[in-house]
Amino acid sequence: MAEKLRIILYTKAECGLCEEMKQRMLEANCSELYELLEVDIEADAQLFTQYRYEIPVLSVNGVEAFRHRLSAEEFRVYVTSLSSPAGSES
């Protein structure tokens, strides 16, 4: 089995767009393909400066993939393309 993708969601408390993004990710029905880590930008001054007006930001395997909004379909297509044998560089 392929290694799961490492997804980081840069977020903060009471962020409506962040909650919406997490909901679209759930609706994509591909959570078995990735591990999600939520990072609160308010806990790190550098991240806060970098993402203060940009959240939510979704990073996949260290590459920024989505910012502000995404649809369940575009997330599923992106994640499955990286998880497929053709998308891996092993």
PDB file of N, CA and C in Angstrom:
ATOM      1  N   MET A   1       0.836  -1.190   0.000  1.00  0.00           N
ATOM      2  CA  MET A   1       0.000   0.000   0.000  1.00  0.00           C
ATOM      3  C   MET A   1       0.878   1.249   0.000  1.00  0.00           C
ATOM      4  N   ALA A   2       0.480   2.239  -0.744  1.00  0.00           N
ATOM      5  CA  ALA A   2       1.234   3.485  -0.834  1.00  0.00           C
ATOM      6  C   ALA A   2       1.178   4.239   0.484  1.00  0.00           C
ATOM      7  N   GLU A   3       2.221   5.007   0.724  1.00  0.00           N
ATOM      8  CA  GLU A   3       2.271   5.844   1.918  1.00  0.00           C
ATOM      9  C   GLU A   3       1.210   6.938   1.809  1.00  0.00           C
ATOM     10  N   LYS A   4       0.587   7.263   2.941  1.00  0.00           N
ATOM     11  CA  LYS A   4      -0.443   8.298   2.944  1.00  0.00           C
ATOM     12  C   LYS A   4       0.173   9.666   2.693  1.00  0.00           C
ATOM     13  N   LEU A   5      -0.598  10.503   2.035  1.00  0.00           N
ATOM     14  CA  LEU A   5      -0.181  11.881   1.809  1.00  0.00           C
ATOM     15  C   LEU A   5      -0.181  12.622   3.139  1.00  0.00           C
ATOM     16  N   ARG A   6       0.717  13.578   3.282  1.00  0.00           N
ATOM     17  CA  ARG A   6       0.779  14.409   4.487  1.00  0.00           C
ATOM     18  C   ARG A   6       0.147  15.757   4.155  1.00  0.00           C
ATOM     19  N   ILE A   7      -1.011  15.987   4.759  1.00  0.00           N
ATOM     20  CA  ILE A   7      -1.739  17.225   4.490  1.00  0.00           C
ATOM     21  C   ILE A   7      -1.741  18.085   5.745  1.00  0.00           C
ATOM     22  N   ILE A   8      -1.395  19.353   5.554  1.00  0.00           N
ATOM     23  CA  ILE A   8      -1.434  20.316   6.648  1.00  0.00           C
ATOM     24  C   ILE A   8      -2.457  21.385   6.296  1.00  0.00           C
ATOM     25  N   LEU A   9      -3.367  21.618   7.229  1.00  0.00           N
ATOM     26  CA  LEU A   9      -4.344  22.688   7.093  1.00  0.00           C
ATOM     27  C   LEU A   9      -3.935  23.803   8.039  1.00  0.00           C
ATOM     28  N   TYR A  10      -3.540  24.934   7.470  1.00  0.00           N
ATOM     29  CA  TYR A  10      -3.215  26.104   8.276  1.00  0.00           C
ATOM     30  C   TYR A  10      -4.524  26.816   8.572  1.00  0.00           C
ATOM     31  N   THR A  11      -4.809  26.985   9.854  1.00  0.00           N
ATOM     32  CA  THR A  11      -6.110  27.431  10.300  1.00  0.00           C
ATOM     33  C   THR A  11      -5.974  28.292  11.549  1.00  0.00           C
ATOM     34  N   LYS A  12      -7.089  28.712  12.103  1.00  0.00           N
ATOM     35  CA  LYS A  12      -7.138  29.364  13.414  1.00  0.00           C
ATOM     36  C   LYS A  12      -8.538  29.168  13.978  1.00  0.00           C
ATOM     37  N   ALA A  13      -8.689  29.459  15.242  1.00  0.00           N
ATOM     38  CA  ALA A  13      -9.985  29.286  15.901  1.00  0.00           C
ATOM     39  C   ALA A  13     -11.047  30.171  15.245  1.00  0.00           C
ATOM     40  N   GLU A  14     -12.247  29.649  15.212  1.00  0.00           N
ATOM     41  CA  GLU A  14     -13.407  30.380  14.697  1.00  0.00           C
ATOM     42  C   GLU A  14     -13.224  30.871  13.260  1.00  0.00           C
ATOM     43  N   CYS A  15     -12.671  30.016  12.434  1.00  0.00           N
ATOM     44  CA  CYS A  15     -12.470  30.333  11.019  1.00  0.00           C
ATOM     45  C   CYS A  15     -13.529  29.585  10.204  1.00  0.00           C
ATOM     46  N   GLY A  16     -14.525  30.306   9.745  1.00  0.00           N
ATOM     47  CA  GLY A  16     -15.607  29.687   8.978  1.00  0.00           C
ATOM     48  C   GLY A  16     -15.139  29.054   7.678  1.00  0.00           C
ATOM     49  N   LEU A  17     -14.234  29.735   6.968  1.00  0.00           N
ATOM     50  CA  LEU A  17     -13.722  29.166   5.719  1.00  0.00           C
ATOM     51  C   LEU A  17     -12.930  27.893   5.980  1.00  0.00           C
ATOM     52  N   CYS A  18     -12.239  27.834   7.120  1.00  0.00           N
ATOM     53  CA  CYS A  18     -11.473  26.637   7.475  1.00  0.00           C
ATOM     54  C   CYS A  18     -12.412  25.460   7.713  1.00  0.00           C
ATOM     55  N   GLU A  19     -13.496  25.710   8.423  1.00  0.00           N
ATOM     56  CA  GLU A  19     -14.485  24.659   8.673  1.00  0.00           C
ATOM     57  C   GLU A  19     -15.115  24.192   7.371  1.00  0.00           C
ATOM     58  N   GLU A  20     -15.379  25.128   6.482  1.00  0.00           N
ATOM     59  CA  GLU A  20     -15.944  24.786   5.173  1.00  0.00           C
ATOM     60  C   GLU A  20     -14.968  23.921   4.382  1.00  0.00           C
ATOM     61  N   MET A  21     -13.676  24.266   4.420  1.00  0.00           N
ATOM     62  CA  MET A  21     -12.685  23.483   3.700  1.00  0.00           C
ATOM     63  C   MET A  21     -12.614  22.060   4.255  1.00  0.00           C
ATOM     64  N   LYS A  22     -12.619  21.921   5.573  1.00  0.00           N
ATOM     65  CA  LYS A  22     -12.589  20.579   6.174  1.00  0.00           C
ATOM     66  C   LYS A  22     -13.827  19.781   5.762  1.00  0.00           C
ATOM     67  N   GLN A  23     -14.971  20.437   5.673  1.00  0.00           N
ATOM     68  CA  GLN A  23     -16.201  19.749   5.252  1.00  0.00           C
ATOM     69  C   GLN A  23     -16.081  19.257   3.813  1.00  0.00           C
ATOM     70  N   ARG A  24     -15.547  20.094   2.926  1.00  0.00           N
ATOM     71  CA  ARG A  24     -15.369  19.671   1.522  1.00  0.00           C
ATOM     72  C   ARG A  24     -14.400  18.493   1.445  1.00  0.00           C
ATOM     73  N   MET A  25     -13.377  18.501   2.289  1.00  0.00           N
ATOM     74  CA  MET A  25     -12.423  17.391   2.306  1.00  0.00           C
ATOM     75  C   MET A  25     -13.128  16.101   2.718  1.00  0.00           C
ATOM     76  N   LEU A  26     -13.990  16.176   3.711  1.00  0.00           N
ATOM     77  CA  LEU A  26     -14.752  14.992   4.143  1.00  0.00           C
ATOM     78  C   LEU A  26     -15.680  14.517   3.031  1.00  0.00           C
ATOM     79  N   GLU A  27     -16.320  15.456   2.362  1.00  0.00           N
ATOM     80  CA  GLU A  27     -17.235  15.113   1.270  1.00  0.00           C
ATOM     81  C   GLU A  27     -16.524  14.450   0.099  1.00  0.00           C
ATOM     82  N   ALA A  28     -15.231  14.676  -0.023  1.00  0.00           N
ATOM     83  CA  ALA A  28     -14.457  14.067  -1.112  1.00  0.00           C
ATOM     84  C   ALA A  28     -14.339  12.555  -0.940  1.00  0.00           C
ATOM     85  N   ASN A  29     -14.567  12.071   0.278  1.00  0.00           N
ATOM     86  CA  ASN A  29     -14.607  10.638   0.559  1.00  0.00           C
ATOM     87  C   ASN A  29     -13.315   9.918   0.162  1.00  0.00           C
ATOM     88  N   CYS A  30     -12.186  10.507   0.553  1.00  0.00           N
ATOM     89  CA  CYS A  30     -10.897   9.877   0.253  1.00  0.00           C
ATOM     90  C   CYS A  30      -9.945   9.997   1.443  1.00  0.00           C
ATOM     91  N   SER A  31     -10.484  10.084   2.646  1.00  0.00           N
ATOM     92  CA  SER A  31      -9.662  10.310   3.838  1.00  0.00           C
ATOM     93  C   SER A  31      -8.678   9.178   4.114  1.00  0.00           C
ATOM     94  N   GLU A  32      -8.897   8.015   3.519  1.00  0.00           N
ATOM     95  CA  GLU A  32      -7.960   6.902   3.702  1.00  0.00           C
ATOM     96  C   GLU A  32      -6.632   7.143   2.983  1.00  0.00           C
ATOM     97  N   LEU A  33      -6.589   8.151   2.126  1.00  0.00           N
ATOM     98  CA  LEU A  33      -5.389   8.430   1.344  1.00  0.00           C
ATOM     99  C   LEU A  33      -4.438   9.429   2.000  1.00  0.00           C
ATOM    100  N   TYR A  34      -4.877  10.058   3.085  1.00  0.00           N
ATOM    101  CA  TYR A  34      -4.045  11.098   3.675  1.00  0.00           C
ATOM    102  C   TYR A  34      -4.165  11.150   5.191  1.00  0.00           C
ATOM    103  N   GLU A  35      -3.162  11.786   5.785  1.00  0.00           N
ATOM    104  CA  GLU A  35      -3.186  12.117   7.205  1.00  0.00           C
ATOM    105  C   GLU A  35      -3.262  13.625   7.289  1.00  0.00           C
ATOM    106  N   LEU A  36      -4.198  14.125   8.093  1.00  0.00           N
ATOM    107  CA  LEU A  36      -4.420  15.558   8.212  1.00  0.00           C
ATOM    108  C   LEU A  36      -3.863  16.076   9.530  1.00  0.00           C
ATOM    109  N   LEU A  37      -3.091  17.143   9.439  1.00  0.00           N
ATOM    110  CA  LEU A  37      -2.602  17.847  10.611  1.00  0.00           C
ATOM    111  C   LEU A  37      -3.108  19.279  10.506  1.00  0.00           C
ATOM    112  N   GLU A  38      -3.799  19.728  11.549  1.00  0.00           N
ATOM    113  CA  GLU A  38      -4.265  21.112  11.587  1.00  0.00           C
ATOM    114  C   GLU A  38      -3.266  21.928  12.392  1.00  0.00           C
ATOM    115  N   VAL A  39      -2.815  23.034  11.809  1.00  0.00           N
ATOM    116  CA  VAL A  39      -1.840  23.893  12.461  1.00  0.00           C
ATOM    117  C   VAL A  39      -2.487  25.255  12.705  1.00  0.00           C
ATOM    118  N   ASP A  40      -2.541  25.640  13.971  1.00  0.00           N
ATOM    119  CA  ASP A  40      -3.109  26.926  14.365  1.00  0.00           C
ATOM    120  C   ASP A  40      -2.057  28.007  14.142  1.00  0.00           C
ATOM    121  N   ILE A  41      -2.309  28.885  13.195  1.00  0.00           N
ATOM    122  CA  ILE A  41      -1.328  29.919  12.868  1.00  0.00           C
ATOM    123  C   ILE A  41      -1.131  30.908  14.007  1.00  0.00           C
ATOM    124  N   GLU A  42      -2.093  31.003  14.896  1.00  0.00           N
ATOM    125  CA  GLU A  42      -1.972  31.947  16.005  1.00  0.00           C
ATOM    126  C   GLU A  42      -0.975  31.467  17.059  1.00  0.00           C
ATOM    127  N   ALA A  43      -0.562  30.230  16.979  1.00  0.00           N
ATOM    128  CA  ALA A  43       0.400  29.679  17.935  1.00  0.00           C
ATOM    129  C   ALA A  43       1.849  29.893  17.493  1.00  0.00           C
ATOM    130  N   ASP A  44       2.044  30.449  16.307  1.00  0.00           N
ATOM    131  CA  ASP A  44       3.386  30.632  15.759  1.00  0.00           C
ATOM    132  C   ASP A  44       3.441  31.993  15.058  1.00  0.00           C
ATOM    133  N   ALA A  45       4.256  32.902  15.575  1.00  0.00           N
ATOM    134  CA  ALA A  45       4.320  34.266  15.036  1.00  0.00           C
ATOM    135  C   ALA A  45       4.663  34.297  13.549  1.00  0.00           C
ATOM    136  N   GLN A  46       5.585  33.445  13.118  1.00  0.00           N
ATOM    137  CA  GLN A  46       5.973  33.424  11.704  1.00  0.00           C
ATOM    138  C   GLN A  46       4.812  32.963  10.821  1.00  0.00           C
ATOM    139  N   LEU A  47       4.124  31.893  11.235  1.00  0.00           N
ATOM    140  CA  LEU A  47       2.972  31.418  10.463  1.00  0.00           C
ATOM    141  C   LEU A  47       1.856  32.451  10.458  1.00  0.00           C
ATOM    142  N   PHE A  48       1.666  33.122  11.589  1.00  0.00           N
ATOM    143  CA  PHE A  48       0.627  34.143  11.662  1.00  0.00           C
ATOM    144  C   PHE A  48       0.926  35.266  10.667  1.00  0.00           C
ATOM    145  N   THR A  49       2.163  35.702  10.624  1.00  0.00           N
ATOM    146  CA  THR A  49       2.555  36.749   9.680  1.00  0.00           C
ATOM    147  C   THR A  49       2.367  36.277   8.242  1.00  0.00           C
ATOM    148  N   GLN A  50       2.734  35.049   7.978  1.00  0.00           N
ATOM    149  CA  GLN A  50       2.664  34.497   6.613  1.00  0.00           C
ATOM    150  C   GLN A  50       1.229  34.270   6.146  1.00  0.00           C
ATOM    151  N   TYR A  51       0.369  33.748   7.020  1.00  0.00           N
ATOM    152  CA  TYR A  51      -0.966  33.311   6.598  1.00  0.00           C
ATOM    153  C   TYR A  51      -2.123  34.118   7.177  1.00  0.00           C
ATOM    154  N   ARG A  52      -1.832  35.178   7.887  1.00  0.00           N
ATOM    155  CA  ARG A  52      -2.859  35.946   8.594  1.00  0.00           C
ATOM    156  C   ARG A  52      -4.097  36.224   7.751  1.00  0.00           C
ATOM    157  N   TYR A  53      -3.915  36.654   6.536  1.00  0.00           N
ATOM    158  CA  TYR A  53      -5.042  37.007   5.662  1.00  0.00           C
ATOM    159  C   TYR A  53      -5.292  35.968   4.575  1.00  0.00           C
ATOM    160  N   GLU A  54      -4.676  34.823   4.691  1.00  0.00           N
ATOM    161  CA  GLU A  54      -4.732  33.833   3.617  1.00  0.00           C
ATOM    162  C   GLU A  54      -5.435  32.533   3.979  1.00  0.00           C
ATOM    163  N   ILE A  55      -5.702  32.286   5.254  1.00  0.00           N
ATOM    164  CA  ILE A  55      -6.253  30.994   5.644  1.00  0.00           C
ATOM    165  C   ILE A  55      -7.683  30.830   5.129  1.00  0.00           C
ATOM    166  N   PRO A  56      -8.082  29.601   4.919  1.00  0.00           N
ATOM    167  CA  PRO A  56      -7.316  28.380   5.094  1.00  0.00           C
ATOM    168  C   PRO A  56      -6.354  28.131   3.933  1.00  0.00           C
ATOM    169  N   VAL A  57      -5.244  27.529   4.287  1.00  0.00           N
ATOM    170  CA  VAL A  57      -4.247  27.104   3.299  1.00  0.00           C
ATOM    171  C   VAL A  57      -4.017  25.621   3.522  1.00  0.00           C
ATOM    172  N   LEU A  58      -4.045  24.860   2.432  1.00  0.00           N
ATOM    173  CA  LEU A  58      -3.858  23.416   2.502  1.00  0.00           C
ATOM    174  C   LEU A  58      -2.574  23.045   1.775  1.00  0.00           C
ATOM    175  N   SER A  59      -1.680  22.410   2.503  1.00  0.00           N
ATOM    176  CA  SER A  59      -0.400  21.966   1.959  1.00  0.00           C
ATOM    177  C   SER A  59      -0.433  20.444   1.853  1.00  0.00           C
ATOM    178  N   VAL A  60      -0.027  19.929   0.710  1.00  0.00           N
ATOM    179  CA  VAL A  60      -0.003  18.485   0.485  1.00  0.00           C
ATOM    180  C   VAL A  60       1.446  18.078   0.215  1.00  0.00           C
ATOM    181  N   ASN A  61       1.972  17.237   1.097  1.00  0.00           N
ATOM    182  CA  ASN A  61       3.368  16.797   0.995  1.00  0.00           C
ATOM    183  C   ASN A  61       4.331  17.977   0.840  1.00  0.00           C
ATOM    184  N   GLY A  62       4.064  19.043   1.597  1.00  0.00           N
ATOM    185  CA  GLY A  62       4.961  20.187   1.614  1.00  0.00           C
ATOM    186  C   GLY A  62       4.751  21.210   0.518  1.00  0.00           C
ATOM    187  N   VAL A  63       3.741  21.009  -0.325  1.00  0.00           N
ATOM    188  CA  VAL A  63       3.465  21.922  -1.426  1.00  0.00           C
ATOM    189  C   VAL A  63       2.092  22.550  -1.217  1.00  0.00           C
ATOM    190  N   GLU A  64       2.044  23.886  -1.251  1.00  0.00           N
ATOM    191  CA  GLU A  64       0.740  24.532  -1.119  1.00  0.00           C
ATOM    192  C   GLU A  64      -0.135  24.131  -2.301  1.00  0.00           C
ATOM    193  N   ALA A  65      -1.287  23.567  -1.980  1.00  0.00           N
ATOM    194  CA  ALA A  65      -2.167  23.055  -3.030  1.00  0.00           C
ATOM    195  C   ALA A  65      -3.455  23.852  -3.169  1.00  0.00           C
ATOM    196  N   PHE A  66      -3.984  24.346  -2.047  1.00  0.00           N
ATOM    197  CA  PHE A  66      -5.244  25.084  -2.072  1.00  0.00           C
ATOM    198  C   PHE A  66      -5.176  26.228  -1.082  1.00  0.00           C
ATOM    199  N   ARG A  67      -5.888  27.294  -1.411  1.00  0.00           N
ATOM    200  CA  ARG A  67      -5.954  28.469  -0.552  1.00  0.00           C
ATOM    201  C   ARG A  67      -7.388  28.994  -0.594  1.00  0.00           C
ATOM    202  N   HIS A  68      -7.944  29.296   0.552  1.00  0.00           N
ATOM    203  CA  HIS A  68      -9.259  29.898   0.733  1.00  0.00           C
ATOM    204  C   HIS A  68     -10.423  28.911   0.538  1.00  0.00           C
ATOM    205  N   ARG A  69     -10.552  28.328  -0.619  1.00  0.00           N
ATOM    206  CA  ARG A  69     -11.696  27.447  -0.904  1.00  0.00           C
ATOM    207  C   ARG A  69     -11.256  26.271  -1.787  1.00  0.00           C
ATOM    208  N   LEU A  70     -12.047  25.204  -1.691  1.00  0.00           N
ATOM    209  CA  LEU A  70     -11.890  24.090  -2.616  1.00  0.00           C
ATOM    210  C   LEU A  70     -13.214  23.353  -2.694  1.00  0.00           C
ATOM    211  N   SER A  71     -13.394  22.610  -3.758  1.00  0.00           N
ATOM    212  CA  SER A  71     -14.587  21.767  -3.880  1.00  0.00           C
ATOM    213  C   SER A  71     -14.184  20.335  -3.549  1.00  0.00           C
ATOM    214  N   ALA A  72     -15.157  19.540  -3.165  1.00  0.00           N
ATOM    215  CA  ALA A  72     -14.885  18.139  -2.857  1.00  0.00           C
ATOM    216  C   ALA A  72     -14.292  17.436  -4.070  1.00  0.00           C
ATOM    217  N   GLU A  73     -14.807  17.738  -5.242  1.00  0.00           N
ATOM    218  CA  GLU A  73     -14.338  17.078  -6.468  1.00  0.00           C
ATOM    219  C   GLU A  73     -12.885  17.435  -6.782  1.00  0.00           C
ATOM    220  N   GLU A  74     -12.539  18.724  -6.727  1.00  0.00           N
ATOM    221  CA  GLU A  74     -11.156  19.088  -7.053  1.00  0.00           C
ATOM    222  C   GLU A  74     -10.189  18.523  -6.020  1.00  0.00           C
ATOM    223  N   PHE A  75     -10.603  18.444  -4.766  1.00  0.00           N
ATOM    224  CA  PHE A  75      -9.744  17.857  -3.741  1.00  0.00           C
ATOM    225  C   PHE A  75      -9.553  16.369  -3.997  1.00  0.00           C
ATOM    226  N   ARG A  76     -10.637  15.655  -4.302  1.00  0.00           N
ATOM    227  CA  ARG A  76     -10.555  14.218  -4.578  1.00  0.00           C
ATOM    228  C   ARG A  76      -9.657  13.939  -5.779  1.00  0.00           C
ATOM    229  N   VAL A  77      -9.827  14.693  -6.837  1.00  0.00           N
ATOM    230  CA  VAL A  77      -9.006  14.508  -8.046  1.00  0.00           C
ATOM    231  C   VAL A  77      -7.534  14.736  -7.728  1.00  0.00           C
ATOM    232  N   TYR A  78      -7.235  15.795  -6.992  1.00  0.00           N
ATOM    233  CA  TYR A  78      -5.843  16.118  -6.650  1.00  0.00           C
ATOM    234  C   TYR A  78      -5.229  15.019  -5.795  1.00  0.00           C
ATOM    235  N   VAL A  79      -5.921  14.634  -4.746  1.00  0.00           N
ATOM    236  CA  VAL A  79      -5.396  13.631  -3.808  1.00  0.00           C
ATOM    237  C   VAL A  79      -5.250  12.270  -4.478  1.00  0.00           C
ATOM    238  N   THR A  80      -6.242  11.853  -5.241  1.00  0.00           N
ATOM    239  CA  THR A  80      -6.142  10.539  -5.881  1.00  0.00           C
ATOM    240  C   THR A  80      -5.059  10.526  -6.956  1.00  0.00           C
ATOM    241  N   SER A  81      -4.838  11.654  -7.622  1.00  0.00           N
ATOM    242  CA  SER A  81      -3.778  11.688  -8.633  1.00  0.00           C
ATOM    243  C   SER A  81      -2.402  11.528  -7.987  1.00  0.00           C
ATOM    244  N   LEU A  82      -2.227  12.076  -6.794  1.00  0.00           N
ATOM    245  CA  LEU A  82      -0.948  11.932  -6.099  1.00  0.00           C
ATOM    246  C   LEU A  82      -0.795  10.554  -5.461  1.00  0.00           C
ATOM    247  N   SER A  83      -1.905   9.905  -5.180  1.00  0.00           N
ATOM    248  CA  SER A  83      -1.871   8.604  -4.523  1.00  0.00           C
ATOM    249  C   SER A  83      -1.776   7.455  -5.505  1.00  0.00           C
ATOM    250  N   SER A  84      -2.044   7.701  -6.776  1.00  0.00           N
ATOM    251  CA  SER A  84      -2.011   6.645  -7.778  1.00  0.00           C
ATOM    252  C   SER A  84      -0.564   6.276  -8.093  1.00  0.00           C
ATOM    253  N   PRO A  85      -0.330   5.059  -8.585  1.00  0.00           N
ATOM    254  CA  PRO A  85       1.043   4.651  -8.943  1.00  0.00           C
ATOM    255  C   PRO A  85       1.713   5.620  -9.905  1.00  0.00           C
ATOM    256  N   ALA A  86       0.945   6.184 -10.838  1.00  0.00           N
ATOM    257  CA  ALA A  86       1.520   7.134 -11.794  1.00  0.00           C
ATOM    258  C   ALA A  86       1.956   8.413 -11.108  1.00  0.00           C
ATOM    259  N   GLY A  87       1.295   8.761  -9.953  1.00  0.00           N
ATOM    260  CA  GLY A  87       1.619   9.993  -9.246  1.00  0.00           C
ATOM    261  C   GLY A  87       2.741   9.836  -8.253  1.00  0.00           C
ATOM    262  N   SER A  88       3.204   8.598  -8.028  1.00  0.00           N
ATOM    263  CA  SER A  88       4.276   8.402  -7.049  1.00  0.00           C
ATOM    264  C   SER A  88       5.603   8.240  -7.749  1.00  0.00           C
ATOM    265  N   GLU A  89       6.637   8.692  -7.097  1.00  0.00           N
ATOM    266  CA  GLU A  89       7.979   8.635  -7.662  1.00  0.00           C
ATOM    267  C   GLU A  89       8.840   7.647  -6.884  1.00  0.00           C
ATOM    268  N   SER A  90       8.260   6.583  -6.380  1.00  0.00           N
ATOM    269  CA  SER A  90       9.002   5.618  -5.555  1.00  0.00           C
ATOM    270  C   SER A  90       9.970   4.810  -6.370  1.00  0.00           C
TER     271      SER A  90
END
